[in-house]
PDB file of N, CA and C in Angstrom:
ATOM      1  N   MET A   1       0.819  -1.190   0.000  1.00  0.00           N
ATOM      2  CA  MET A   1       0.000   0.000   0.000  1.00  0.00           C
ATOM      3  C   MET A   1       0.867   1.260   0.000  1.00  0.00           C
ATOM      4  N   ALA A   2       1.919   1.286   0.841  1.00  0.00           N
ATOM      5  CA  ALA A   2       2.785   2.446   0.915  1.00  0.00           C
ATOM      6  C   ALA A   2       3.544   2.638  -0.391  1.00  0.00           C
ATOM      7  N   LYS A   3       3.875   1.558  -1.055  1.00  0.00           N
ATOM      8  CA  LYS A   3       4.586   1.651  -2.323  1.00  0.00           C
ATOM      9  C   LYS A   3       3.714   2.358  -3.365  1.00  0.00           C
ATOM     10  N   ASN A   4       2.440   2.045  -3.406  1.00  0.00           N
ATOM     11  CA  ASN A   4       1.531   2.693  -4.346  1.00  0.00           C
ATOM     12  C   ASN A   4       1.428   4.185  -4.064  1.00  0.00           C
ATOM     13  N   LYS A   5       1.392   4.578  -2.804  1.00  0.00           N
ATOM     14  CA  LYS A   5       1.314   5.993  -2.450  1.00  0.00           C
ATOM     15  C   LYS A   5       2.589   6.714  -2.843  1.00  0.00           C
ATOM     16  N   LEU A   6       3.719   6.057  -2.664  1.00  0.00           N
ATOM     17  CA  LEU A   6       4.993   6.669  -3.025  1.00  0.00           C
ATOM     18  C   LEU A   6       5.060   6.904  -4.534  1.00  0.00           C
ATOM     19  N   SER A   7       4.722   5.895  -5.307  1.00  0.00           N
ATOM     20  CA  SER A   7       4.749   6.031  -6.770  1.00  0.00           C
ATOM     21  C   SER A   7       3.807   7.132  -7.220  1.00  0.00           C
ATOM     22  N   ALA A   8       2.606   7.143  -6.676  1.00  0.00           N
ATOM     23  CA  ALA A   8       1.635   8.162  -7.043  1.00  0.00           C
ATOM     24  C   ALA A   8       2.131   9.553  -6.640  1.00  0.00           C
ATOM     25  N   GLY A   9       2.726   9.664  -5.482  1.00  0.00           N
ATOM     26  CA  GLY A   9       3.247  10.949  -5.018  1.00  0.00           C
ATOM     27  C   GLY A   9       4.359  11.460  -5.908  1.00  0.00           C
ATOM     28  N   ILE A  10       5.219  10.554  -6.345  1.00  0.00           N
ATOM     29  CA  ILE A  10       6.313  10.953  -7.233  1.00  0.00           C
ATOM     30  C   ILE A  10       5.758  11.440  -8.563  1.00  0.00           C
ATOM     31  N   ILE A  11       4.811  10.719  -9.116  1.00  0.00           N
ATOM     32  CA  ILE A  11       4.226  11.104 -10.404  1.00  0.00           C
ATOM     33  C   ILE A  11       3.493  12.441 -10.287  1.00  0.00           C
ATOM     34  N   ILE A  12       2.705  12.595  -9.238  1.00  0.00           N
ATOM     35  CA  ILE A  12       1.966  13.853  -9.038  1.00  0.00           C
ATOM     36  C   ILE A  12       2.936  15.017  -8.851  1.00  0.00           C
ATOM     37  N   GLY A  13       3.995  14.797  -8.104  1.00  0.00           N
ATOM     38  CA  GLY A  13       5.001  15.850  -7.893  1.00  0.00           C
ATOM     39  C   GLY A  13       5.691  16.243  -9.189  1.00  0.00           C
ATOM     40  N   ALA A  14       6.009  15.246 -10.016  1.00  0.00           N
ATOM     41  CA  ALA A  14       6.660  15.540 -11.293  1.00  0.00           C
ATOM     42  C   ALA A  14       5.734  16.335 -12.209  1.00  0.00           C
ATOM     43  N   VAL A  15       4.467  15.933 -12.270  1.00  0.00           N
ATOM     44  CA  VAL A  15       3.502  16.650 -13.105  1.00  0.00           C
ATOM     45  C   VAL A  15       3.323  18.072 -12.587  1.00  0.00           C
ATOM     46  N   ALA A  16       3.194  18.228 -11.289  1.00  0.00           N
ATOM     47  CA  ALA A  16       3.009  19.563 -10.706  1.00  0.00           C
ATOM     48  C   ALA A  16       4.237  20.432 -10.980  1.00  0.00           C
ATOM     49  N   GLY A  17       5.410  19.873 -10.845  1.00  0.00           N
ATOM     50  CA  GLY A  17       6.635  20.628 -11.124  1.00  0.00           C
ATOM     51  C   GLY A  17       6.721  21.048 -12.578  1.00  0.00           C
ATOM     52  N   GLY A  18       6.348  20.142 -13.473  1.00  0.00           N
ATOM     53  CA  GLY A  18       6.338  20.479 -14.893  1.00  0.00           C
ATOM     54  C   GLY A  18       5.368  21.589 -15.216  1.00  0.00           C
ATOM     55  N   ILE A  19       4.180  21.527 -14.637  1.00  0.00           N
ATOM     56  CA  ILE A  19       3.168  22.563 -14.871  1.00  0.00           C
ATOM     57  C   ILE A  19       3.644  23.905 -14.323  1.00  0.00           C
ATOM     58  N   LEU A  20       4.191  23.900 -13.122  1.00  0.00           N
ATOM     59  CA  LEU A  20       4.667  25.158 -12.540  1.00  0.00           C
ATOM     60  C   LEU A  20       5.822  25.756 -13.336  1.00  0.00           C
ATOM     61  N   SER A  21       6.705  24.923 -13.865  1.00  0.00           N
ATOM     62  CA  SER A  21       7.833  25.447 -14.638  1.00  0.00           C
ATOM     63  C   SER A  21       7.363  26.076 -15.942  1.00  0.00           C
ATOM     64  N   MET A  22       6.215  25.666 -16.440  1.00  0.00           N
ATOM     65  CA  MET A  22       5.692  26.237 -17.689  1.00  0.00           C
ATOM     66  C   MET A  22       5.104  27.638 -17.495  1.00  0.00           C
ATOM     67  N   LEU A  23       5.035  28.121 -16.277  1.00  0.00           N
ATOM     68  CA  LEU A  23       4.572  29.483 -16.031  1.00  0.00           C
ATOM     69  C   LEU A  23       5.585  30.513 -16.542  1.00  0.00           C
ATOM     70  N   ASP A  24       6.840  30.116 -16.615  1.00  0.00           N
ATOM     71  CA  ASP A  24       7.896  31.004 -17.102  1.00  0.00           C
ATOM     72  C   ASP A  24       7.871  31.031 -18.634  1.00  0.00           C
ATOM     73  N   PRO A  25       7.751  32.226 -19.261  1.00  0.00           N
ATOM     74  CA  PRO A  25       7.652  32.302 -20.727  1.00  0.00           C
ATOM     75  C   PRO A  25       8.895  31.764 -21.449  1.00  0.00           C
ATOM     76  N   SER A  26      10.082  32.025 -20.923  1.00  0.00           N
ATOM     77  CA  SER A  26      11.292  31.541 -21.602  1.00  0.00           C
ATOM     78  C   SER A  26      11.368  30.008 -21.548  1.00  0.00           C
ATOM     79  N   THR A  27      10.900  29.417 -20.450  1.00  0.00           N
ATOM     80  CA  THR A  27      10.875  27.956 -20.346  1.00  0.00           C
ATOM     81  C   THR A  27       9.890  27.375 -21.348  1.00  0.00           C
ATOM     82  N   ARG A  28       8.729  28.009 -21.482  1.00  0.00           N
ATOM     83  CA  ARG A  28       7.744  27.541 -22.469  1.00  0.00           C
ATOM     84  C   ARG A  28       8.323  27.601 -23.877  1.00  0.00           C
ATOM     85  N   LYS A  29       9.019  28.712 -24.192  1.00  0.00           N
ATOM     86  CA  LYS A  29       9.580  28.891 -25.533  1.00  0.00           C
ATOM     87  C   LYS A  29      10.647  27.827 -25.814  1.00  0.00           C
ATOM     88  N   ARG A  30      11.560  27.621 -24.867  1.00  0.00           N
ATOM     89  CA  ARG A  30      12.610  26.610 -25.057  1.00  0.00           C
ATOM     90  C   ARG A  30      12.028  25.215 -25.157  1.00  0.00           C
ATOM     91  N   THR A  31      11.025  24.911 -24.355  1.00  0.00           N
ATOM     92  CA  THR A  31      10.396  23.593 -24.389  1.00  0.00           C
ATOM     93  C   THR A  31       9.716  23.362 -25.730  1.00  0.00           C
ATOM     94  N   ALA A  32       9.008  24.376 -26.217  1.00  0.00           N
ATOM     95  CA  ALA A  32       8.341  24.260 -27.514  1.00  0.00           C
ATOM     96  C   ALA A  32       9.364  24.060 -28.628  1.00  0.00           C
ATOM     97  N   GLN A  33      10.472  24.798 -28.574  1.00  0.00           N
ATOM     98  CA  GLN A  33      11.521  24.666 -29.584  1.00  0.00           C
ATOM     99  C   GLN A  33      12.147  23.271 -29.521  1.00  0.00           C
ATOM    100  N   SER A  34      12.394  22.809 -28.320  1.00  0.00           N
ATOM    101  CA  SER A  34      12.974  21.475 -28.150  1.00  0.00           C
ATOM    102  C   SER A  34      12.042  20.390 -28.679  1.00  0.00           C
ATOM    103  N   LEU A  35      10.759  20.501 -28.396  1.00  0.00           N
ATOM    104  CA  LEU A  35       9.788  19.528 -28.910  1.00  0.00           C
ATOM    105  C   LEU A  35       9.715  19.584 -30.429  1.00  0.00           C
ATOM    106  N   SER A  36       9.776  20.782 -30.993  1.00  0.00           N
ATOM    107  CA  SER A  36       9.754  20.933 -32.446  1.00  0.00           C
ATOM    108  C   SER A  36      10.981  20.278 -33.078  1.00  0.00           C
ATOM    109  N   ASN A  37      12.153  20.517 -32.495  1.00  0.00           N
ATOM    110  CA  ASN A  37      13.388  19.902 -33.005  1.00  0.00           C
ATOM    111  C   ASN A  37      13.322  18.386 -32.914  1.00  0.00           C
ATOM    112  N   THR A  38      12.809  17.880 -31.800  1.00  0.00           N
ATOM    113  CA  THR A  38      12.684  16.435 -31.620  1.00  0.00           C
ATOM    114  C   THR A  38      11.731  15.850 -32.658  1.00  0.00           C
ATOM    115  N   LYS A  39      10.628  16.528 -32.892  1.00  0.00           N
ATOM    116  CA  LYS A  39       9.642  16.066 -33.890  1.00  0.00           C
ATOM    117  C   LYS A  39      10.286  16.013 -35.271  1.00  0.00           C
ATOM    118  N   GLN A  40      11.060  17.045 -35.618  1.00  0.00           N
ATOM    119  CA  GLN A  40      11.722  17.075 -36.921  1.00  0.00           C
ATOM    120  C   GLN A  40      12.741  15.944 -37.051  1.00  0.00           C
ATOM    121  N   SER A  41      13.510  15.704 -35.975  1.00  0.00           N
ATOM    122  CA  SER A  41      14.505  14.627 -36.006  1.00  0.00           C
ATOM    123  C   SER A  41      13.839  13.276 -36.177  1.00  0.00           C
ATOM    124  N   ILE A  42      12.776  13.035 -35.436  1.00  0.00           N
ATOM    125  CA  ILE A  42      12.063  11.763 -35.543  1.00  0.00           C
ATOM    126  C   ILE A  42      11.502  11.592 -36.946  1.00  0.00           C
ATOM    127  N   SER A  43      10.938  12.650 -37.475  1.00  0.00           N
ATOM    128  CA  SER A  43      10.374  12.595 -38.827  1.00  0.00           C
ATOM    129  C   SER A  43      11.464  12.313 -39.852  1.00  0.00           C
ATOM    130  N   TYR A  44      12.601  12.998 -39.746  1.00  0.00           N
ATOM    131  CA  TYR A  44      13.708  12.818 -40.696  1.00  0.00           C
ATOM    132  C   TYR A  44      14.257  11.399 -40.634  1.00  0.00           C
ATOM    133  N   TYR A  45      14.543  10.929 -39.414  1.00  0.00           N
ATOM    134  CA  TYR A  45      15.147   9.599 -39.292  1.00  0.00           C
ATOM    135  C   TYR A  45      14.162   8.478 -39.586  1.00  0.00           C
ATOM    136  N   SER A  46      12.868   8.744 -39.473  1.00  0.00           N
ATOM    137  CA  SER A  46      11.900   7.716 -39.856  1.00  0.00           C
ATOM    138  C   SER A  46      11.871   7.565 -41.376  1.00  0.00           C
ATOM    139  N   ARG A  47      12.186   8.644 -42.096  1.00  0.00           N
ATOM    140  CA  ARG A  47      12.267   8.565 -43.562  1.00  0.00           C
ATOM    141  C   ARG A  47      13.638   8.074 -44.021  1.00  0.00           C
ATOM    142  N   ASN A  48      14.672   8.240 -43.188  1.00  0.00           N
ATOM    143  CA  ASN A  48      16.050   7.858 -43.537  1.00  0.00           C
ATOM    144  C   ASN A  48      16.648   6.963 -42.450  1.00  0.00           C
ATOM    145  N   PRO A  49      16.140   5.750 -42.317  1.00  0.00           N
ATOM    146  CA  PRO A  49      16.619   4.892 -41.226  1.00  0.00           C
ATOM    147  C   PRO A  49      18.086   4.478 -41.386  1.00  0.00           C
ATOM    148  N   GLN A  50      18.575   4.399 -42.621  1.00  0.00           N
ATOM    149  CA  GLN A  50      19.973   4.007 -42.818  1.00  0.00           C
ATOM    150  C   GLN A  50      20.919   5.076 -42.271  1.00  0.00           C
ATOM    151  N   GLU A  51      20.573   6.331 -42.454  1.00  0.00           N
ATOM    152  CA  GLU A  51      21.409   7.403 -41.916  1.00  0.00           C
ATOM    153  C   GLU A  51      21.428   7.360 -40.385  1.00  0.00           C
ATOM    154  N   PHE A  52      20.279   7.061 -39.816  1.00  0.00           N
ATOM    155  CA  PHE A  52      20.217   6.926 -38.354  1.00  0.00           C
ATOM    156  C   PHE A  52      21.125   5.792 -37.895  1.00  0.00           C
ATOM    157  N   ALA A  53      21.076   4.666 -38.604  1.00  0.00           N
ATOM    158  CA  ALA A  53      21.913   3.523 -38.250  1.00  0.00           C
ATOM    159  C   ALA A  53      23.394   3.869 -38.407  1.00  0.00           C
ATOM    160  N   ASP A  54      23.730   4.606 -39.467  1.00  0.00           N
ATOM    161  CA  ASP A  54      25.127   5.005 -39.686  1.00  0.00           C
ATOM    162  C   ASP A  54      25.621   5.936 -38.576  1.00  0.00           C
ATOM    163  N   ARG A  55      24.792   6.902 -38.216  1.00  0.00           N
ATOM    164  CA  ARG A  55      25.191   7.830 -37.147  1.00  0.00           C
ATOM    165  C   ARG A  55      25.322   7.111 -35.812  1.00  0.00           C
ATOM    166  N   ALA A  56      24.403   6.182 -35.560  1.00  0.00           N
ATOM    167  CA  ALA A  56      24.484   5.414 -34.316  1.00  0.00           C
ATOM    168  C   ALA A  56      25.751   4.573 -34.302  1.00  0.00           C
ATOM    169  N   SER A  57      26.097   3.997 -35.436  1.00  0.00           N
ATOM    170  CA  SER A  57      27.313   3.195 -35.537  1.00  0.00           C
ATOM    171  C   SER A  57      28.557   4.054 -35.318  1.00  0.00           C
ATOM    172  N   GLN A  58      28.566   5.271 -35.890  1.00  0.00           N
ATOM    173  CA  GLN A  58      29.692   6.183 -35.694  1.00  0.00           C
ATOM    174  C   GLN A  58      29.845   6.553 -34.218  1.00  0.00           C
ATOM    175  N   LYS A  59      28.742   6.855 -33.584  1.00  0.00           N
ATOM    176  CA  LYS A  59      28.793   7.207 -32.158  1.00  0.00           C
ATOM    177  C   LYS A  59      29.281   6.022 -31.329  1.00  0.00           C
ATOM    178  N   ALA A  60      28.810   4.819 -31.677  1.00  0.00           N
ATOM    179  CA  ALA A  60      29.244   3.630 -30.946  1.00  0.00           C
ATOM    180  C   ALA A  60      30.751   3.428 -31.116  1.00  0.00           C
ATOM    181  N   ASP A  61      31.263   3.664 -32.328  1.00  0.00           N
ATOM    182  CA  ASP A  61      32.704   3.546 -32.568  1.00  0.00           C
ATOM    183  C   ASP A  61      33.484   4.580 -31.762  1.00  0.00           C
ATOM    184  N   GLN A  62      32.958   5.807 -31.712  1.00  0.00           N
ATOM    185  CA  GLN A  62      33.623   6.850 -30.932  1.00  0.00           C
ATOM    186  C   GLN A  62      33.682   6.468 -29.455  1.00  0.00           C
ATOM    187  N   TRP A  63      32.581   5.985 -28.923  1.00  0.00           N
ATOM    188  CA  TRP A  63      32.548   5.596 -27.508  1.00  0.00           C
ATOM    189  C   TRP A  63      33.461   4.406 -27.252  1.00  0.00           C
ATOM    190  N   ARG A  64      33.539   3.486 -28.210  1.00  0.00           N
ATOM    191  CA  ARG A  64      34.423   2.327 -28.066  1.00  0.00           C
ATOM    192  C   ARG A  64      35.883   2.783 -28.025  1.00  0.00           C
ATOM    193  N   GLU A  65      36.253   3.730 -28.913  1.00  0.00           N
ATOM    194  CA  GLU A  65      37.620   4.268 -28.915  1.00  0.00           C
ATOM    195  C   GLU A  65      37.938   4.967 -27.598  1.00  0.00           C
ATOM    196  N   ILE A  66      36.986   5.722 -27.094  1.00  0.00           N
ATOM    197  CA  ILE A  66      37.188   6.409 -25.811  1.00  0.00           C
ATOM    198  C   ILE A  66      37.382   5.392 -24.690  1.00  0.00           C
ATOM    199  N   ALA A  67      36.562   4.339 -24.691  1.00  0.00           N
ATOM    200  CA  ALA A  67      36.675   3.304 -23.657  1.00  0.00           C
ATOM    201  C   ALA A  67      38.028   2.598 -23.745  1.00  0.00           C
ATOM    202  N   GLU A  68      38.490   2.314 -24.954  1.00  0.00           N
ATOM    203  CA  GLU A  68      39.796   1.670 -25.122  1.00  0.00           C
ATOM    204  C   GLU A  68      40.913   2.578 -24.625  1.00  0.00           C
ATOM    205  N   LYS A  69      40.822   3.860 -24.938  1.00  0.00           N
ATOM    206  CA  LYS A  69      41.837   4.820 -24.479  1.00  0.00           C
ATOM    207  C   LYS A  69      41.859   4.890 -22.954  1.00  0.00           C
ATOM    208  N   ILE A  70      40.688   4.890 -22.353  1.00  0.00           N
ATOM    209  CA  ILE A  70      40.613   4.915 -20.887  1.00  0.00           C
ATOM    210  C   ILE A  70      41.231   3.648 -20.303  1.00  0.00           C
ATOM    211  N   GLN A  71      40.958   2.499 -20.924  1.00  0.00           N
ATOM    212  CA  GLN A  71      41.539   1.242 -20.438  1.00  0.00           C
ATOM    213  C   GLN A  71      43.060   1.272 -20.552  1.00  0.00           C
ATOM    214  N   GLU A  72      43.573   1.811 -21.659  1.00  0.00           N
ATOM    215  CA  GLU A  72      45.026   1.927 -21.814  1.00  0.00           C
ATOM    216  C   GLU A  72      45.616   2.842 -20.747  1.00  0.00           C
ATOM    217  N   ASP A  73      44.953   3.965 -20.497  1.00  0.00           N
ATOM    218  CA  ASP A  73      45.433   4.902 -19.480  1.00  0.00           C
ATOM    219  C   ASP A  73      45.433   4.262 -18.095  1.00  0.00           C
ATOM    220  N   ILE A  74      44.383   3.514 -17.792  1.00  0.00           N
ATOM    221  CA  ILE A  74      44.312   2.839 -16.492  1.00  0.00           C
ATOM    222  C   ILE A  74      45.413   1.801 -16.371  1.00  0.00           C
ATOM    223  N   ALA A  75      45.652   1.050 -17.435  1.00  0.00           N
ATOM    224  CA  ALA A  75      46.722   0.041 -17.409  1.00  0.00           C
ATOM    225  C   ALA A  75      48.079   0.714 -17.209  1.00  0.00           C
ATOM    226  N   PHE A  76      48.316   1.829 -17.896  1.00  0.00           N
ATOM    227  CA  PHE A  76      49.573   2.560 -17.756  1.00  0.00           C
ATOM    228  C   PHE A  76      49.755   3.068 -16.327  1.00  0.00           C
ATOM    229  N   LEU A  77      48.691   3.670 -15.786  1.00  0.00           N
ATOM    230  CA  LEU A  77      48.775   4.195 -14.422  1.00  0.00           C
ATOM    231  C   LEU A  77      48.973   3.080 -13.406  1.00  0.00           C
ATOM    232  N   SER A  78      48.337   1.931 -13.618  1.00  0.00           N
ATOM    233  CA  SER A  78      48.518   0.798 -12.708  1.00  0.00           C
ATOM    234  C   SER A  78      49.958   0.312 -12.747  1.00  0.00           C
ATOM    235  N   GLU A  79      50.520   0.254 -13.953  1.00  0.00           N
ATOM    236  CA  GLU A  79      51.910  -0.168 -14.103  1.00  0.00           C
ATOM    237  C   GLU A  79      52.852   0.791 -13.377  1.00  0.00           C
ATOM    238  N   LYS A  80      52.637   2.083 -13.560  1.00  0.00           N
ATOM    239  CA  LYS A  80      53.482   3.085 -12.899  1.00  0.00           C
ATOM    240  C   LYS A  80      53.311   3.024 -11.378  1.00  0.00           C
ATOM    241  N   TYR A  81      52.101   2.785 -10.930  1.00  0.00           N
ATOM    242  CA  TYR A  81      51.847   2.659  -9.492  1.00  0.00           C
ATOM    243  C   TYR A  81      52.648   1.485  -8.927  1.00  0.00           C
ATOM    244  N   GLU A  82      52.624   0.365  -9.625  1.00  0.00           N
ATOM    245  CA  GLU A  82      53.375  -0.809  -9.145  1.00  0.00           C
ATOM    246  C   GLU A  82      54.873  -0.529  -9.138  1.00  0.00           C
ATOM    247  N   GLU A  83      55.377   0.203 -10.148  1.00  0.00           N
ATOM    248  CA  GLU A  83      56.797   0.558 -10.166  1.00  0.00           C
ATOM    249  C   GLU A  83      57.158   1.421  -8.965  1.00  0.00           C
ATOM    250  N   VAL A  84      56.351   2.435  -8.712  1.00  0.00           N
ATOM    251  CA  VAL A  84      56.616   3.329  -7.583  1.00  0.00           C
ATOM    252  C   VAL A  84      56.507   2.559  -6.271  1.00  0.00           C
ATOM    253  N   LYS A  85      55.520   1.688  -6.187  1.00  0.00           N
ATOM    254  CA  LYS A  85      55.319   0.889  -4.982  1.00  0.00           C
ATOM    255  C   LYS A  85      56.527  -0.004  -4.717  1.00  0.00           C
ATOM    256  N   SER A  86      57.090  -0.598  -5.771  1.00  0.00           N
ATOM    257  CA  SER A  86      58.251  -1.466  -5.588  1.00  0.00           C
ATOM    258  C   SER A  86      59.507  -0.657  -5.278  1.00  0.00           C
ATOM    259  N   MET A  87      59.542   0.605  -5.694  1.00  0.00           N
ATOM    260  CA  MET A  87      60.698   1.457  -5.422  1.00  0.00           C
ATOM    261  C   MET A  87      60.670   2.041  -4.025  1.00  0.00           C
ATOM    262  N   ALA A  88      59.556   2.039  -3.370  1.00  0.00           N
ATOM    263  CA  ALA A  88      59.426   2.689  -2.063  1.00  0.00           C
ATOM    264  C   ALA A  88      60.426   2.169  -1.036  1.00  0.00           C
ATOM    265  N   PRO A  89      60.595   0.852  -0.856  1.00  0.00           N
ATOM    266  CA  PRO A  89      61.585   0.399   0.127  1.00  0.00           C
ATOM    267  C   PRO A  89      63.005   0.827  -0.234  1.00  0.00           C
ATOM    268  N   GLU A  90      63.359   0.766  -1.524  1.00  0.00           N
ATOM    269  CA  GLU A  90      64.690   1.187  -1.949  1.00  0.00           C
ATOM    270  C   GLU A  90      64.886   2.673  -1.679  1.00  0.00           C
ATOM    271  N   LEU A  91      63.875   3.458  -1.973  1.00  0.00           N
ATOM    272  CA  LEU A  91      63.955   4.891  -1.755  1.00  0.00           C
ATOM    273  C   LEU A  91      64.108   5.198  -0.268  1.00  0.00           C
ATOM    274  N   LYS A  92      63.352   4.504   0.550  1.00  0.00           N
ATOM    275  CA  LYS A  92      63.438   4.700   1.996  1.00  0.00           C
ATOM    276  C   LYS A  92      64.838   4.370   2.490  1.00  0.00           C
ATOM    277  N   GLU A  93      65.401   3.281   1.991  1.00  0.00           N
ATOM    278  CA  GLU A  93      66.745   2.873   2.395  1.00  0.00           C
ATOM    279  C   GLU A  93      67.773   3.909   1.945  1.00  0.00           C
ATOM    280  N   THR A  94      67.639   4.425   0.738  1.00  0.00           N
ATOM    281  CA  THR A  94      68.566   5.432   0.221  1.00  0.00           C
ATOM    282  C   THR A  94      68.493   6.709   1.052  1.00  0.00           C
ATOM    283  N   VAL A  95      67.312   7.121   1.386  1.00  0.00           N
ATOM    284  CA  VAL A  95      67.153   8.320   2.213  1.00  0.00           C
ATOM    285  C   VAL A  95      67.782   8.105   3.583  1.00  0.00           C
ATOM    286  N   GLN A  96      67.566   6.937   4.155  1.00  0.00           N
ATOM    287  CA  GLN A  96      68.144   6.631   5.470  1.00  0.00           C
ATOM    288  C   GLN A  96      69.664   6.620   5.399  1.00  0.00           C
ATOM    289  N   GLU A  97      70.242   6.006   4.358  1.00  0.00           N
ATOM    290  CA  GLU A  97      71.697   5.968   4.207  1.00  0.00           C
ATOM    291  C   GLU A  97      72.261   7.379   4.028  1.00  0.00           C
ATOM    292  N   THR A  98      71.572   8.202   3.248  1.00  0.00           N
ATOM    293  CA  THR A  98      72.017   9.582   3.040  1.00  0.00           C
ATOM    294  C   THR A  98      71.972  10.357   4.343  1.00  0.00           C
ATOM    295  N   LYS A  99      70.925  10.178   5.079  1.00  0.00           N
ATOM    296  CA  LYS A  99      70.791  10.856   6.363  1.00  0.00           C
ATOM    297  C   LYS A  99      71.916  10.438   7.300  1.00  0.00           C
ATOM    298  N   GLU A 100      72.187   9.143   7.372  1.00  0.00           N
ATOM    299  CA  GLU A 100      73.258   8.646   8.234  1.00  0.00           C
ATOM    300  C   GLU A 100      74.612   9.169   7.788  1.00  0.00           C
ATOM    301  N   ALA A 101      74.850   9.226   6.476  1.00  0.00           N
ATOM    302  CA  ALA A 101      76.134   9.705   5.964  1.00  0.00           C
ATOM    303  C   ALA A 101      76.361  11.161   6.351  1.00  0.00           C
ATOM    304  N   PHE A 102      75.352  11.983   6.280  1.00  0.00           N
ATOM    305  CA  PHE A 102      75.514  13.388   6.626  1.00  0.00           C
ATOM    306  C   PHE A 102      75.629  13.595   8.128  1.00  0.00           C
ATOM    307  N   THR A 103      74.958  12.800   8.916  1.00  0.00           N
ATOM    308  CA  THR A 103      75.036  12.993  10.365  1.00  0.00           C
ATOM    309  C   THR A 103      76.319  12.419  10.935  1.00  0.00           C
ATOM    310  N   GLU A 104      76.936  11.415  10.317  1.00  0.00           N
ATOM    311  CA  GLU A 104      78.194  10.834  10.822  1.00  0.00           C
ATOM    312  C   GLU A 104      79.391  11.690  10.464  1.00  0.00           C
ATOM    313  N   ASP A 105      79.412  12.299   9.273  1.00  0.00           N
ATOM    314  CA  ASP A 105      80.568  13.044   8.797  1.00  0.00           C
ATOM    315  C   ASP A 105      80.712  14.411   9.453  1.00  0.00           C
ATOM    316  N   GLN A 106      79.655  15.009   9.883  1.00  0.00           N
ATOM    317  CA  GLN A 106      79.705  16.353  10.433  1.00  0.00           C
ATOM    318  C   GLN A 106      79.810  16.291  11.958  1.00  0.00           C
ATOM    319  N   PRO A 107      80.797  17.016  12.522  1.00  0.00           N
ATOM    320  CA  PRO A 107      80.874  17.075  13.986  1.00  0.00           C
ATOM    321  C   PRO A 107      79.723  17.911  14.521  1.00  0.00           C
ATOM    322  N   ALA A 108      79.426  17.695  15.777  1.00  0.00           N
ATOM    323  CA  ALA A 108      78.337  18.444  16.407  1.00  0.00           C
ATOM    324  C   ALA A 108      78.698  19.920  16.419  1.00  0.00           C
ATOM    325  N   PRO A 109      77.808  20.780  16.033  1.00  0.00           N
ATOM    326  CA  PRO A 109      78.120  22.219  15.997  1.00  0.00           C
ATOM    327  C   PRO A 109      78.305  22.760  17.416  1.00  0.00           C
ATOM    328  N   GLN A 110      79.323  23.620  17.544  1.00  0.00           N
ATOM    329  CA  GLN A 110      79.568  24.250  18.836  1.00  0.00           C
ATOM    330  C   GLN A 110      79.262  25.736  18.711  1.00  0.00           C
ATOM    331  N   SER A 111      78.689  26.251  19.747  1.00  0.00           N
ATOM    332  CA  SER A 111      78.403  27.679  19.744  1.00  0.00           C
ATOM    333  C   SER A 111      79.679  28.444  20.067  1.00  0.00           C
ATOM    334  N   PRO A 112      79.819  29.679  19.597  1.00  0.00           N
ATOM    335  CA  PRO A 112      81.029  30.467  19.885  1.00  0.00           C
ATOM    336  C   PRO A 112      81.223  30.691  21.378  1.00  0.00           C
ATOM    337  N   ALA A 113      80.160  30.777  22.122  1.00  0.00           N
ATOM    338  CA  ALA A 113      80.268  31.013  23.559  1.00  0.00           C
ATOM    339  C   ALA A 113      80.848  29.799  24.266  1.00  0.00           C
ATOM    340  N   ALA A 114      80.632  28.603  23.765  1.00  0.00           N
ATOM    341  CA  ALA A 114      81.118  27.385  24.409  1.00  0.00           C
ATOM    342  C   ALA A 114      82.623  27.276  24.293  1.00  0.00           C
ATOM    343  N   SER A 115      83.246  27.773  23.221  1.00  0.00           N
ATOM    344  CA  SER A 115      84.692  27.632  23.028  1.00  0.00           C
ATOM    345  C   SER A 115      85.489  28.626  23.863  1.00  0.00           C
ATOM    346  N   THR A 116      84.901  29.695  24.324  1.00  0.00           N
ATOM    347  CA  THR A 116      85.625  30.706  25.105  1.00  0.00           C
ATOM    348  C   THR A 116      85.179  30.730  26.552  1.00  0.00           C
ATOM    349  N   GLY A 117      84.612  29.661  27.009  1.00  0.00           N
ATOM    350  CA  GLY A 117      84.239  29.611  28.397  1.00  0.00           C
ATOM    351  C   GLY A 117      82.949  30.341  28.705  1.00  0.00           C
ATOM    352  N   GLY A 118      82.086  30.505  27.778  1.00  0.00           N
ATOM    353  CA  GLY A 118      80.800  31.132  28.025  1.00  0.00           C
ATOM    354  C   GLY A 118      80.765  32.594  27.670  1.00  0.00           C
ATOM    355  N   LEU A 119      81.929  33.185  27.341  1.00  0.00           N
ATOM    356  CA  LEU A 119      81.972  34.579  26.954  1.00  0.00           C
ATOM    357  C   LEU A 119      82.114  34.697  25.443  1.00  0.00           C
ATOM    358  N   PRO A 120      81.477  35.669  24.849  1.00  0.00           N
ATOM    359  CA  PRO A 120      81.643  35.833  23.404  1.00  0.00           C
ATOM    360  C   PRO A 120      83.057  36.300  23.087  1.00  0.00           C
ATOM    361  N   GLU A 121      83.528  35.945  21.912  1.00  0.00           N
ATOM    362  CA  GLU A 121      84.871  36.296  21.492  1.00  0.00           C
ATOM    363  C   GLU A 121      84.954  37.795  21.210  1.00  0.00           C
ATOM    364  N   LYS A 122      86.044  38.426  21.663  1.00  0.00           N
ATOM    365  CA  LYS A 122      86.221  39.864  21.493  1.00  0.00           C
ATOM    366  C   LYS A 122      86.860  40.100  20.143  1.00  0.00           C
ATOM    367  N   LYS A 123      86.273  41.004  19.384  1.00  0.00           N
ATOM    368  CA  LYS A 123      86.798  41.316  18.054  1.00  0.00           C
ATOM    369  C   LYS A 123      87.399  42.687  18.091  1.00  0.00           C
ATOM    370  N   THR A 124      88.503  42.840  17.432  1.00  0.00           N
ATOM    371  CA  THR A 124      89.135  44.162  17.354  1.00  0.00           C
ATOM    372  C   THR A 124      88.941  44.700  15.947  1.00  0.00           C
ATOM    373  N   VAL A 125      88.803  45.991  15.896  1.00  0.00           N
ATOM    374  CA  VAL A 125      88.544  46.624  14.621  1.00  0.00           C
ATOM    375  C   VAL A 125      89.752  47.296  14.072  1.00  0.00           C
TER     376      VAL A 125
END
């Protein structure tokens, strides 16, 4: 019972929304133009079904090419992801070795005050 009320409510709401939107003159004009264009297209393609089939075939080919290109791009990105993923441990090790090399070779920095017993060094001009 509730399902029937929901369906009816959706249909009534859609019809009411459509009717209210037609109060706007520019919406009425665009809707009428769109319906006229659709009527002309249907009429044309009903007289020329082969052209409709050819255009549909062209569009299907275009979408197929796009899908193939997307699949190639995904495969390429997956391959690069796996390469980067496999390089991560090596990169981490290299960074760690570099860090250790720089910290072992450099003596701990001393402040000027520490070398003179806590007093700053006197400079003469």
